[in-house]
Amino acid sequence: MTLPTTTLPSGDELPMVGIGTWNIDGDTVRDSVRAGLDAGYGHVDTAEGYRNESEIGDVLADYDREDVFLTSKVLPKNLNYDSVIDSCRQSLERLGTDHLDLYLIHWPNPAISLRETLNAMATLHEEGMVKNVGVSNFSAYQLSCAQYVSDVPIAVNQIEYHPWNRQDDVVEHCRETDTVVEAAAPLGRTEVFEDETVQEIADEYEKSAPQIILKWAVENDVVVLPKSSSPDHVRSNLDLFEWSLDEEDKRRIDDIEREKVVYDTPAREWTGDTYGISK
């Protein structure tokens, strides 16, 4: 299967569906990634903070590297210049590759200069270790600032995006600036499965709730990164491209009034392993 793609500013093609790998490791992530690549995904998303890059590297060794669009992310505690470079090199070593197709700032860190971080990203790009640069969990305001100070185009903003948290202001800014939107937690970490409208539409189309949610996002030109520890679910999450949602059903999902954030909340453990900010 050849997946539809979206074009990044560099001209690289980013597959519209990727294998999400948050919170799975060991043989579970190996089986998930292998099932996805065998099914035709061609797009794997990980991060140094997921602590599963080595396992993913084990799997990637069995595939042609040029057939896989590979993304990783640098933790916010490592956003000073030297740490960004070091984090990327360590991710490359764990993943068993000499380059990343996309490298993201995992979360903004207000204690470290964004200009310094993006200067390091530019160095990685210049040296060929990173083909495309992006951000994750950035507001429209933060993304605008990143775009202003970066010497390399900000190709992607990966955000929490699902029918209960559409982040319309962020998506609108991304559209206006040709920044690709990627949906982290596109299934609302399974919580959105319970939505009555989603369930009704799934029954009407004889599809699963996850398939309806993912199809809605892809038809809104959002790249989706569903995660599953089940190889069967990994495969079924790719069954999105031989059918369509009609406009009325897309509007029904757009009009869902419930709003719930499943992970991107204002609370931060500033002194923990993610941010490492001391007093």
C-alpha atoms as a PDB file:
ATOM      1  CA  MET A   1       0.000   0.000   0.000  1.00  0.00           C
ATOM      2  CA  THR A   2       1.202   3.493  -0.868  1.00  0.00           C
ATOM      3  CA  LEU A   3      -0.006   5.990   1.709  1.00  0.00           C
ATOM      4  CA  PRO A   4      -0.999   9.546   0.815  1.00  0.00           C
ATOM      5  CA  THR A   5       1.569  12.101   1.880  1.00  0.00           C
ATOM      6  CA  THR A   6       1.881  15.802   2.578  1.00  0.00           C
ATOM      7  CA  THR A   7       4.812  17.846   1.325  1.00  0.00           C
ATOM      8  CA  LEU A   8       7.183  19.539   3.780  1.00  0.00           C
ATOM      9  CA  PRO A   9       8.985  22.830   2.983  1.00  0.00           C
ATOM     10  CA  SER A  10      12.112  20.816   2.103  1.00  0.00           C
ATOM     11  CA  GLY A  11      10.154  18.922  -0.545  1.00  0.00           C
ATOM     12  CA  ASP A  12      10.218  15.706   1.488  1.00  0.00           C
ATOM     13  CA  GLU A  13       7.004  13.703   1.573  1.00  0.00           C
ATOM     14  CA  LEU A  14       5.536  12.950   5.016  1.00  0.00           C
ATOM     15  CA  PRO A  15       3.080   9.993   5.139  1.00  0.00           C
ATOM     16  CA  MET A  16      -0.312  11.002   6.504  1.00  0.00           C
ATOM     17  CA  VAL A  17      -0.396   8.095   8.980  1.00  0.00           C
ATOM     18  CA  GLY A  18       2.449   7.148  11.292  1.00  0.00           C
ATOM     19  CA  ILE A  19       3.100   4.613  14.013  1.00  0.00           C
ATOM     20  CA  GLY A  20       2.850   6.283  17.413  1.00  0.00           C
ATOM     21  CA  THR A  21       5.048   4.714  20.093  1.00  0.00           C
ATOM     22  CA  TRP A  22       4.433   6.676  23.293  1.00  0.00           C
ATOM     23  CA  ASN A  23       4.333   4.563  26.472  1.00  0.00           C
ATOM     24  CA  ILE A  24       5.209   1.224  24.849  1.00  0.00           C
ATOM     25  CA  ASP A  25       8.592  -0.450  24.999  1.00  0.00           C
ATOM     26  CA  GLY A  26      10.351  -3.818  24.905  1.00  0.00           C
ATOM     27  CA  ASP A  27       8.867  -6.513  22.688  1.00  0.00           C
ATOM     28  CA  THR A  28       5.553  -4.635  22.646  1.00  0.00           C
ATOM     29  CA  VAL A  29       6.976  -1.694  20.696  1.00  0.00           C
ATOM     30  CA  ARG A  30       9.044  -4.021  18.522  1.00  0.00           C
ATOM     31  CA  ASP A  31       5.913  -5.979  17.552  1.00  0.00           C
ATOM     32  CA  SER A  32       3.888  -2.798  17.012  1.00  0.00           C
ATOM     33  CA  VAL A  33       6.469  -1.136  14.763  1.00  0.00           C
ATOM     34  CA  ARG A  34       7.110  -4.321  12.812  1.00  0.00           C
ATOM     35  CA  ALA A  35       3.384  -4.870  12.250  1.00  0.00           C
ATOM     36  CA  GLY A  36       3.016  -1.277  11.078  1.00  0.00           C
ATOM     37  CA  LEU A  37       5.941  -1.363   8.674  1.00  0.00           C
ATOM     38  CA  ASP A  38       4.797  -4.684   7.240  1.00  0.00           C
ATOM     39  CA  ALA A  39       1.293  -3.228   6.771  1.00  0.00           C
ATOM     40  CA  GLY A  40       2.694  -0.265   4.835  1.00  0.00           C
ATOM     41  CA  TYR A  41       2.947   2.653   7.262  1.00  0.00           C
ATOM     42  CA  GLY A  42       6.444   3.861   6.333  1.00  0.00           C
ATOM     43  CA  HIS A  43       6.377   6.465   9.118  1.00  0.00           C
ATOM     44  CA  VAL A  44       7.546   5.951  12.717  1.00  0.00           C
ATOM     45  CA  ASP A  45       7.313   8.534  15.506  1.00  0.00           C
ATOM     46  CA  THR A  46       9.355   8.262  18.703  1.00  0.00           C
ATOM     47  CA  ALA A  47      11.257  10.481  21.173  1.00  0.00           C
ATOM     48  CA  GLU A  48      14.183  10.262  23.537  1.00  0.00           C
ATOM     49  CA  GLY A  49      11.646  10.684  26.340  1.00  0.00           C
ATOM     50  CA  TYR A  50       9.755   7.558  25.219  1.00  0.00           C
ATOM     51  CA  ARG A  51      12.808   5.450  26.087  1.00  0.00           C
ATOM     52  CA  ASN A  52      12.161   2.998  23.286  1.00  0.00           C
ATOM     53  CA  GLU A  53      14.511   4.191  20.546  1.00  0.00           C
ATOM     54  CA  SER A  54      16.837   1.195  20.945  1.00  0.00           C
ATOM     55  CA  GLU A  55      13.985  -1.277  20.478  1.00  0.00           C
ATOM     56  CA  ILE A  56      12.755   0.637  17.428  1.00  0.00           C
ATOM     57  CA  GLY A  57      16.303   0.620  16.081  1.00  0.00           C
ATOM     58  CA  ASP A  58      16.344  -3.171  16.403  1.00  0.00           C
ATOM     59  CA  VAL A  59      13.323  -3.349  14.093  1.00  0.00           C
ATOM     60  CA  LEU A  60      14.506  -0.713  11.630  1.00  0.00           C
ATOM     61  CA  ALA A  61      17.684  -2.733  11.035  1.00  0.00           C
ATOM     62  CA  ASP A  62      15.539  -5.231   9.113  1.00  0.00           C
ATOM     63  CA  TYR A  63      14.099  -2.646   6.708  1.00  0.00           C
ATOM     64  CA  ASP A  64      15.431  -0.317   4.028  1.00  0.00           C
ATOM     65  CA  ARG A  65      16.059   2.952   5.876  1.00  0.00           C
ATOM     66  CA  GLU A  66      14.992   5.006   2.864  1.00  0.00           C
ATOM     67  CA  ASP A  67      11.531   3.430   3.051  1.00  0.00           C
ATOM     68  CA  VAL A  68      10.895   4.786   6.555  1.00  0.00           C
ATOM     69  CA  PHE A  69      10.185   8.388   7.506  1.00  0.00           C
ATOM     70  CA  LEU A  70      11.654   8.545  11.019  1.00  0.00           C
ATOM     71  CA  THR A  71      10.878  11.176  13.646  1.00  0.00           C
ATOM     72  CA  SER A  72      12.333  11.689  17.111  1.00  0.00           C
ATOM     73  CA  LYS A  73      12.150  14.481  19.667  1.00  0.00           C
ATOM     74  CA  VAL A  74      14.471  16.187  22.143  1.00  0.00           C
ATOM     75  CA  LEU A  75      13.346  16.544  25.757  1.00  0.00           C
ATOM     76  CA  PRO A  76      12.749  20.079  27.049  1.00  0.00           C
ATOM     77  CA  LYS A  77      15.462  19.670  29.692  1.00  0.00           C
ATOM     78  CA  ASN A  78      17.973  19.241  26.832  1.00  0.00           C
ATOM     79  CA  LEU A  79      17.182  22.363  24.819  1.00  0.00           C
ATOM     80  CA  ASN A  80      20.411  24.292  25.380  1.00  0.00           C
ATOM     81  CA  TYR A  81      22.702  24.235  22.325  1.00  0.00           C
ATOM     82  CA  ASP A  82      25.179  21.523  23.286  1.00  0.00           C
ATOM     83  CA  SER A  83      22.520  19.261  24.787  1.00  0.00           C
ATOM     84  CA  VAL A  84      20.386  19.382  21.626  1.00  0.00           C
ATOM     85  CA  ILE A  85      23.386  18.227  19.576  1.00  0.00           C
ATOM     86  CA  ASP A  86      24.252  15.512  22.086  1.00  0.00           C
ATOM     87  CA  SER A  87      20.648  14.313  22.397  1.00  0.00           C
ATOM     88  CA  CYS A  88      20.330  13.996  18.636  1.00  0.00           C
ATOM     89  CA  ARG A  89      23.556  12.034  18.345  1.00  0.00           C
ATOM     90  CA  GLN A  90      22.433   9.671  21.081  1.00  0.00           C
ATOM     91  CA  SER A  91      19.041   9.191  19.427  1.00  0.00           C
ATOM     92  CA  LEU A  92      20.745   8.400  16.123  1.00  0.00           C
ATOM     93  CA  GLU A  93      22.957   5.835  17.826  1.00  0.00           C
ATOM     94  CA  ARG A  94      20.034   4.152  19.566  1.00  0.00           C
ATOM     95  CA  LEU A  95      17.972   4.124  16.361  1.00  0.00           C
ATOM     96  CA  GLY A  96      20.884   2.788  14.304  1.00  0.00           C
ATOM     97  CA  THR A  97      20.740   5.492  11.664  1.00  0.00           C
ATOM     98  CA  ASP A  98      22.833   8.421  10.471  1.00  0.00           C
ATOM     99  CA  HIS A  99      19.930  10.850  10.103  1.00  0.00           C
ATOM    100  CA  LEU A 100      16.419  11.693  11.231  1.00  0.00           C
ATOM    101  CA  ASP A 101      13.818  12.713   8.694  1.00  0.00           C
ATOM    102  CA  LEU A 102      12.234  14.995  11.300  1.00  0.00           C
ATOM    103  CA  TYR A 103      13.497  16.209  14.671  1.00  0.00           C
ATOM    104  CA  LEU A 104      11.121  17.994  17.032  1.00  0.00           C
ATOM    105  CA  ILE A 105      11.369  20.098  20.167  1.00  0.00           C
ATOM    106  CA  HIS A 106       9.163  17.861  22.313  1.00  0.00           C
ATOM    107  CA  TRP A 107       7.845  20.642  24.567  1.00  0.00           C
ATOM    108  CA  PRO A 108       8.755  24.325  24.821  1.00  0.00           C
ATOM    109  CA  ASN A 109      10.899  25.141  27.838  1.00  0.00           C
ATOM    110  CA  PRO A 110      10.503  28.742  29.078  1.00  0.00           C
ATOM    111  CA  ALA A 111      13.781  28.519  31.027  1.00  0.00           C
ATOM    112  CA  ILE A 112      15.929  28.013  27.898  1.00  0.00           C
ATOM    113  CA  SER A 113      16.300  30.382  24.954  1.00  0.00           C
ATOM    114  CA  LEU A 114      14.267  29.229  21.971  1.00  0.00           C
ATOM    115  CA  ARG A 115      16.781  30.949  19.688  1.00  0.00           C
ATOM    116  CA  GLU A 116      19.586  28.850  21.216  1.00  0.00           C
ATOM    117  CA  THR A 117      17.598  25.655  20.678  1.00  0.00           C
ATOM    118  CA  LEU A 118      16.797  26.486  17.065  1.00  0.00           C
ATOM    119  CA  ASN A 119      20.400  27.453  16.361  1.00  0.00           C
ATOM    120  CA  ALA A 120      21.339  23.928  17.424  1.00  0.00           C
ATOM    121  CA  MET A 121      18.598  22.518  15.199  1.00  0.00           C
ATOM    122  CA  ALA A 122      20.039  24.526  12.298  1.00  0.00           C
ATOM    123  CA  THR A 123      23.469  23.022  12.970  1.00  0.00           C
ATOM    124  CA  LEU A 124      22.022  19.513  12.932  1.00  0.00           C
ATOM    125  CA  HIS A 125      20.300  20.336   9.651  1.00  0.00           C
ATOM    126  CA  GLU A 126      23.458  21.762   8.103  1.00  0.00           C
ATOM    127  CA  GLU A 127      25.454  18.677   9.115  1.00  0.00           C
ATOM    128  CA  GLY A 128      22.883  16.305   7.624  1.00  0.00           C
ATOM    129  CA  MET A 129      21.842  14.650  10.880  1.00  0.00           C
ATOM    130  CA  VAL A 130      18.345  16.115  10.601  1.00  0.00           C
ATOM    131  CA  LYS A 131      16.496  16.614   7.316  1.00  0.00           C
ATOM    132  CA  ASN A 132      13.536  18.585   8.704  1.00  0.00           C
ATOM    133  CA  VAL A 133      12.992  20.568  11.898  1.00  0.00           C
ATOM    134  CA  GLY A 134       9.771  20.959  13.837  1.00  0.00           C
ATOM    135  CA  VAL A 135       8.143  21.539  17.195  1.00  0.00           C
ATOM    136  CA  SER A 136       5.622  19.750  19.362  1.00  0.00           C
ATOM    137  CA  ASN A 137       3.004  21.036  21.792  1.00  0.00           C
ATOM    138  CA  PHE A 138       3.580  24.658  20.741  1.00  0.00           C
ATOM    139  CA  SER A 139       0.800  27.212  20.951  1.00  0.00           C
ATOM    140  CA  ALA A 140       0.190  29.554  18.015  1.00  0.00           C
ATOM    141  CA  TYR A 141       2.108  32.250  19.912  1.00  0.00           C
ATOM    142  CA  GLN A 142       5.089  29.973  20.574  1.00  0.00           C
ATOM    143  CA  LEU A 143       5.096  28.679  17.014  1.00  0.00           C
ATOM    144  CA  SER A 144       5.059  32.202  15.622  1.00  0.00           C
ATOM    145  CA  CYS A 145       8.124  33.064  17.691  1.00  0.00           C
ATOM    146  CA  ALA A 146       9.911  29.874  16.597  1.00  0.00           C
ATOM    147  CA  GLN A 147       9.214  30.680  12.964  1.00  0.00           C
ATOM    148  CA  TYR A 148      10.561  34.187  13.434  1.00  0.00           C
ATOM    149  CA  VAL A 149      13.928  33.174  14.920  1.00  0.00           C
ATOM    150  CA  SER A 150      14.612  29.893  13.104  1.00  0.00           C
ATOM    151  CA  ASP A 151      17.042  29.750  10.186  1.00  0.00           C
ATOM    152  CA  VAL A 152      15.410  26.490   9.064  1.00  0.00           C
ATOM    153  CA  PRO A 153      11.693  26.249   8.207  1.00  0.00           C
ATOM    154  CA  ILE A 154       9.523  24.884  11.016  1.00  0.00           C
ATOM    155  CA  ALA A 155       8.024  22.005   9.071  1.00  0.00           C
ATOM    156  CA  VAL A 156       5.668  20.492  11.652  1.00  0.00           C
ATOM    157  CA  ASN A 157       3.816  21.254  14.864  1.00  0.00           C
ATOM    158  CA  GLN A 158       2.759  18.035  16.619  1.00  0.00           C
ATOM    159  CA  ILE A 159      -0.105  18.773  18.992  1.00  0.00           C
ATOM    160  CA  GLU A 160      -2.894  17.085  20.886  1.00  0.00           C
ATOM    161  CA  TYR A 161      -5.647  16.948  18.286  1.00  0.00           C
ATOM    162  CA  HIS A 162      -8.863  14.931  18.318  1.00  0.00           C
ATOM    163  CA  PRO A 163     -12.633  15.642  18.216  1.00  0.00           C
ATOM    164  CA  TRP A 164     -12.615  16.741  21.872  1.00  0.00           C
ATOM    165  CA  ASN A 165      -9.598  19.040  21.494  1.00  0.00           C
ATOM    166  CA  ARG A 166      -9.267  20.532  18.014  1.00  0.00           C
ATOM    167  CA  GLN A 167      -7.073  23.525  18.982  1.00  0.00           C
ATOM    168  CA  ASP A 168      -8.581  25.590  16.172  1.00  0.00           C
ATOM    169  CA  ASP A 169      -6.379  28.635  16.817  1.00  0.00           C
ATOM    170  CA  VAL A 170      -3.170  26.585  16.551  1.00  0.00           C
ATOM    171  CA  VAL A 171      -4.377  24.742  13.461  1.00  0.00           C
ATOM    172  CA  GLU A 172      -5.391  28.019  11.791  1.00  0.00           C
ATOM    173  CA  HIS A 173      -1.942  29.514  12.376  1.00  0.00           C
ATOM    174  CA  CYS A 174      -0.310  26.366  11.008  1.00  0.00           C
ATOM    175  CA  ARG A 175      -2.462  26.576   7.893  1.00  0.00           C
ATOM    176  CA  GLU A 176      -1.577  30.239   7.392  1.00  0.00           C
ATOM    177  CA  THR A 177       2.160  29.503   7.646  1.00  0.00           C
ATOM    178  CA  ASP A 178       2.309  26.210   5.698  1.00  0.00           C
ATOM    179  CA  THR A 179       3.183  24.258   8.822  1.00  0.00           C
ATOM    180  CA  VAL A 180       2.012  20.638   8.838  1.00  0.00           C
ATOM    181  CA  VAL A 181      -0.199  19.666  11.774  1.00  0.00           C
ATOM    182  CA  GLU A 182       0.482  16.270  13.309  1.00  0.00           C
ATOM    183  CA  ALA A 183      -1.980  14.762  15.771  1.00  0.00           C
ATOM    184  CA  ALA A 184      -0.451  13.295  18.888  1.00  0.00           C
ATOM    185  CA  ALA A 185      -3.058  11.283  20.804  1.00  0.00           C
ATOM    186  CA  PRO A 186      -5.375  11.432  17.751  1.00  0.00           C
ATOM    187  CA  LEU A 187      -7.718   8.974  19.473  1.00  0.00           C
ATOM    188  CA  GLY A 188      -7.836  10.956  22.714  1.00  0.00           C
ATOM    189  CA  ARG A 189      -6.061   8.021  24.365  1.00  0.00           C
ATOM    190  CA  THR A 190      -9.201   5.953  23.657  1.00  0.00           C
ATOM    191  CA  GLU A 191     -11.500   8.316  25.603  1.00  0.00           C
ATOM    192  CA  VAL A 192     -13.116   9.714  22.445  1.00  0.00           C
ATOM    193  CA  PHE A 193     -14.287   6.201  21.496  1.00  0.00           C
ATOM    194  CA  GLU A 194     -17.140   6.785  23.973  1.00  0.00           C
ATOM    195  CA  ASP A 195     -18.470   9.809  22.117  1.00  0.00           C
ATOM    196  CA  GLU A 196     -22.063   9.227  21.040  1.00  0.00           C
ATOM    197  CA  THR A 197     -21.665  10.949  17.676  1.00  0.00           C
ATOM    198  CA  VAL A 198     -18.532   8.970  16.855  1.00  0.00           C
ATOM    199  CA  GLN A 199     -20.257   5.721  17.792  1.00  0.00           C
ATOM    200  CA  GLU A 200     -23.299   6.533  15.653  1.00  0.00           C
ATOM    201  CA  ILE A 201     -21.174   7.331  12.616  1.00  0.00           C
ATOM    202  CA  ALA A 202     -19.063   4.205  13.143  1.00  0.00           C
ATOM    203  CA  ASP A 203     -22.215   2.084  13.125  1.00  0.00           C
ATOM    204  CA  GLU A 204     -23.492   3.802   9.983  1.00  0.00           C
ATOM    205  CA  TYR A 205     -20.231   3.171   8.094  1.00  0.00           C
ATOM    206  CA  GLU A 206     -19.643  -0.269   9.640  1.00  0.00           C
ATOM    207  CA  LYS A 207     -16.229   0.933  10.802  1.00  0.00           C
ATOM    208  CA  SER A 208     -14.588   1.091  14.215  1.00  0.00           C
ATOM    209  CA  ALA A 209     -14.619   4.279  16.304  1.00  0.00           C
ATOM    210  CA  PRO A 210     -10.821   4.660  15.869  1.00  0.00           C
ATOM    211  CA  GLN A 211     -11.170   4.431  12.087  1.00  0.00           C
ATOM    212  CA  ILE A 212     -13.845   7.147  12.047  1.00  0.00           C
ATOM    213  CA  ILE A 213     -11.766   9.467  14.233  1.00  0.00           C
ATOM    214  CA  LEU A 214      -8.586   8.943  12.207  1.00  0.00           C
ATOM    215  CA  LYS A 215     -10.412   9.352   8.907  1.00  0.00           C
ATOM    216  CA  TRP A 216     -11.936  12.632  10.110  1.00  0.00           C
ATOM    217  CA  ALA A 217      -8.473  13.968  11.015  1.00  0.00           C
ATOM    218  CA  VAL A 218      -6.822  12.857   7.770  1.00  0.00           C
ATOM    219  CA  GLU A 219      -9.627  14.433   5.737  1.00  0.00           C
ATOM    220  CA  ASN A 220      -8.886  17.640   7.672  1.00  0.00           C
ATOM    221  CA  ASP A 221      -5.297  17.393   6.336  1.00  0.00           C
ATOM    222  CA  VAL A 222      -3.890  16.425   9.734  1.00  0.00           C
ATOM    223  CA  VAL A 223      -1.200  13.738   9.953  1.00  0.00           C
ATOM    224  CA  VAL A 224      -2.213  11.121  12.525  1.00  0.00           C
ATOM    225  CA  LEU A 225       0.046   9.101  14.833  1.00  0.00           C
ATOM    226  CA  PRO A 226      -2.153   6.422  16.431  1.00  0.00           C
ATOM    227  CA  LYS A 227      -0.495   4.229  19.020  1.00  0.00           C
ATOM    228  CA  SER A 228      -1.478   0.679  19.794  1.00  0.00           C
ATOM    229  CA  SER A 229       0.175  -2.213  21.605  1.00  0.00           C
ATOM    230  CA  SER A 230      -1.918  -4.617  19.495  1.00  0.00           C
ATOM    231  CA  PRO A 231      -0.566  -5.495  16.018  1.00  0.00           C
ATOM    232  CA  ASP A 232      -4.153  -6.139  14.871  1.00  0.00           C
ATOM    233  CA  HIS A 233      -5.183  -2.634  15.907  1.00  0.00           C
ATOM    234  CA  VAL A 234      -2.067  -1.201  14.281  1.00  0.00           C
ATOM    235  CA  ARG A 235      -3.153  -2.767  10.996  1.00  0.00           C
ATOM    236  CA  SER A 236      -6.811  -1.754  11.289  1.00  0.00           C
ATOM    237  CA  ASN A 237      -5.813   1.863  12.012  1.00  0.00           C
ATOM    238  CA  LEU A 238      -4.413   1.989   8.482  1.00  0.00           C
ATOM    239  CA  ASP A 239      -7.699   1.021   6.831  1.00  0.00           C
ATOM    240  CA  LEU A 240      -8.608   4.601   5.976  1.00  0.00           C
ATOM    241  CA  PHE A 241      -8.126   5.105   2.265  1.00  0.00           C
ATOM    242  CA  GLU A 242     -10.697   3.139   0.282  1.00  0.00           C
ATOM    243  CA  TRP A 243     -13.701   4.981   1.709  1.00  0.00           C
ATOM    244  CA  SER A 244     -14.685   8.535   2.643  1.00  0.00           C
ATOM    245  CA  LEU A 245     -16.748  10.412   5.172  1.00  0.00           C
ATOM    246  CA  ASP A 246     -19.415  12.546   3.563  1.00  0.00           C
ATOM    247  CA  GLU A 247     -19.417  16.262   4.321  1.00  0.00           C
ATOM    248  CA  GLU A 248     -22.394  16.091   6.659  1.00  0.00           C
ATOM    249  CA  ASP A 249     -20.762  13.432   8.834  1.00  0.00           C
ATOM    250  CA  LYS A 250     -17.529  15.418   9.001  1.00  0.00           C
ATOM    251  CA  ARG A 251     -19.574  18.413  10.147  1.00  0.00           C
ATOM    252  CA  ARG A 252     -21.262  16.257  12.790  1.00  0.00           C
ATOM    253  CA  ILE A 253     -17.837  15.478  14.242  1.00  0.00           C
ATOM    254  CA  ASP A 254     -16.732  19.114  13.880  1.00  0.00           C
ATOM    255  CA  ASP A 255     -19.816  20.150  15.853  1.00  0.00           C
ATOM    256  CA  ILE A 256     -19.156  17.889  18.848  1.00  0.00           C
ATOM    257  CA  GLU A 257     -19.425  20.302  21.760  1.00  0.00           C
ATOM    258  CA  ARG A 258     -17.547  18.372  24.426  1.00  0.00           C
ATOM    259  CA  GLU A 259     -14.055  19.675  25.116  1.00  0.00           C
ATOM    260  CA  LYS A 260     -11.516  17.612  27.013  1.00  0.00           C
ATOM    261  CA  VAL A 261      -7.718  17.732  27.076  1.00  0.00           C
ATOM    262  CA  VAL A 262      -6.192  14.305  27.636  1.00  0.00           C
ATOM    263  CA  TYR A 263      -2.552  15.253  28.133  1.00  0.00           C
ATOM    264  CA  ASP A 264      -1.603  18.826  27.259  1.00  0.00           C
ATOM    265  CA  THR A 265      -2.597  20.468  30.538  1.00  0.00           C
ATOM    266  CA  PRO A 266      -1.047  23.586  32.126  1.00  0.00           C
ATOM    267  CA  ALA A 267       0.359  21.584  35.055  1.00  0.00           C
ATOM    268  CA  ARG A 268       4.078  20.880  34.705  1.00  0.00           C
ATOM    269  CA  GLU A 269       6.537  19.041  36.931  1.00  0.00           C
ATOM    270  CA  TRP A 270       9.243  21.612  36.399  1.00  0.00           C
ATOM    271  CA  THR A 271      11.915  19.857  38.441  1.00  0.00           C
ATOM    272  CA  GLY A 272      11.318  16.358  37.018  1.00  0.00           C
ATOM    273  CA  ASP A 273      13.037  14.347  34.277  1.00  0.00           C
ATOM    274  CA  THR A 274      11.180  16.129  31.489  1.00  0.00           C
ATOM    275  CA  TYR A 275      12.074  19.764  32.222  1.00  0.00           C
ATOM    276  CA  GLY A 276      14.801  19.581  34.870  1.00  0.00           C
ATOM    277  CA  ILE A 277      14.367  23.222  35.880  1.00  0.00           C
ATOM    278  CA  SER A 278      15.971  24.079  39.210  1.00  0.00           C
ATOM    279  CA  LYS A 279      15.004  27.005  41.389  1.00  0.00           C
END
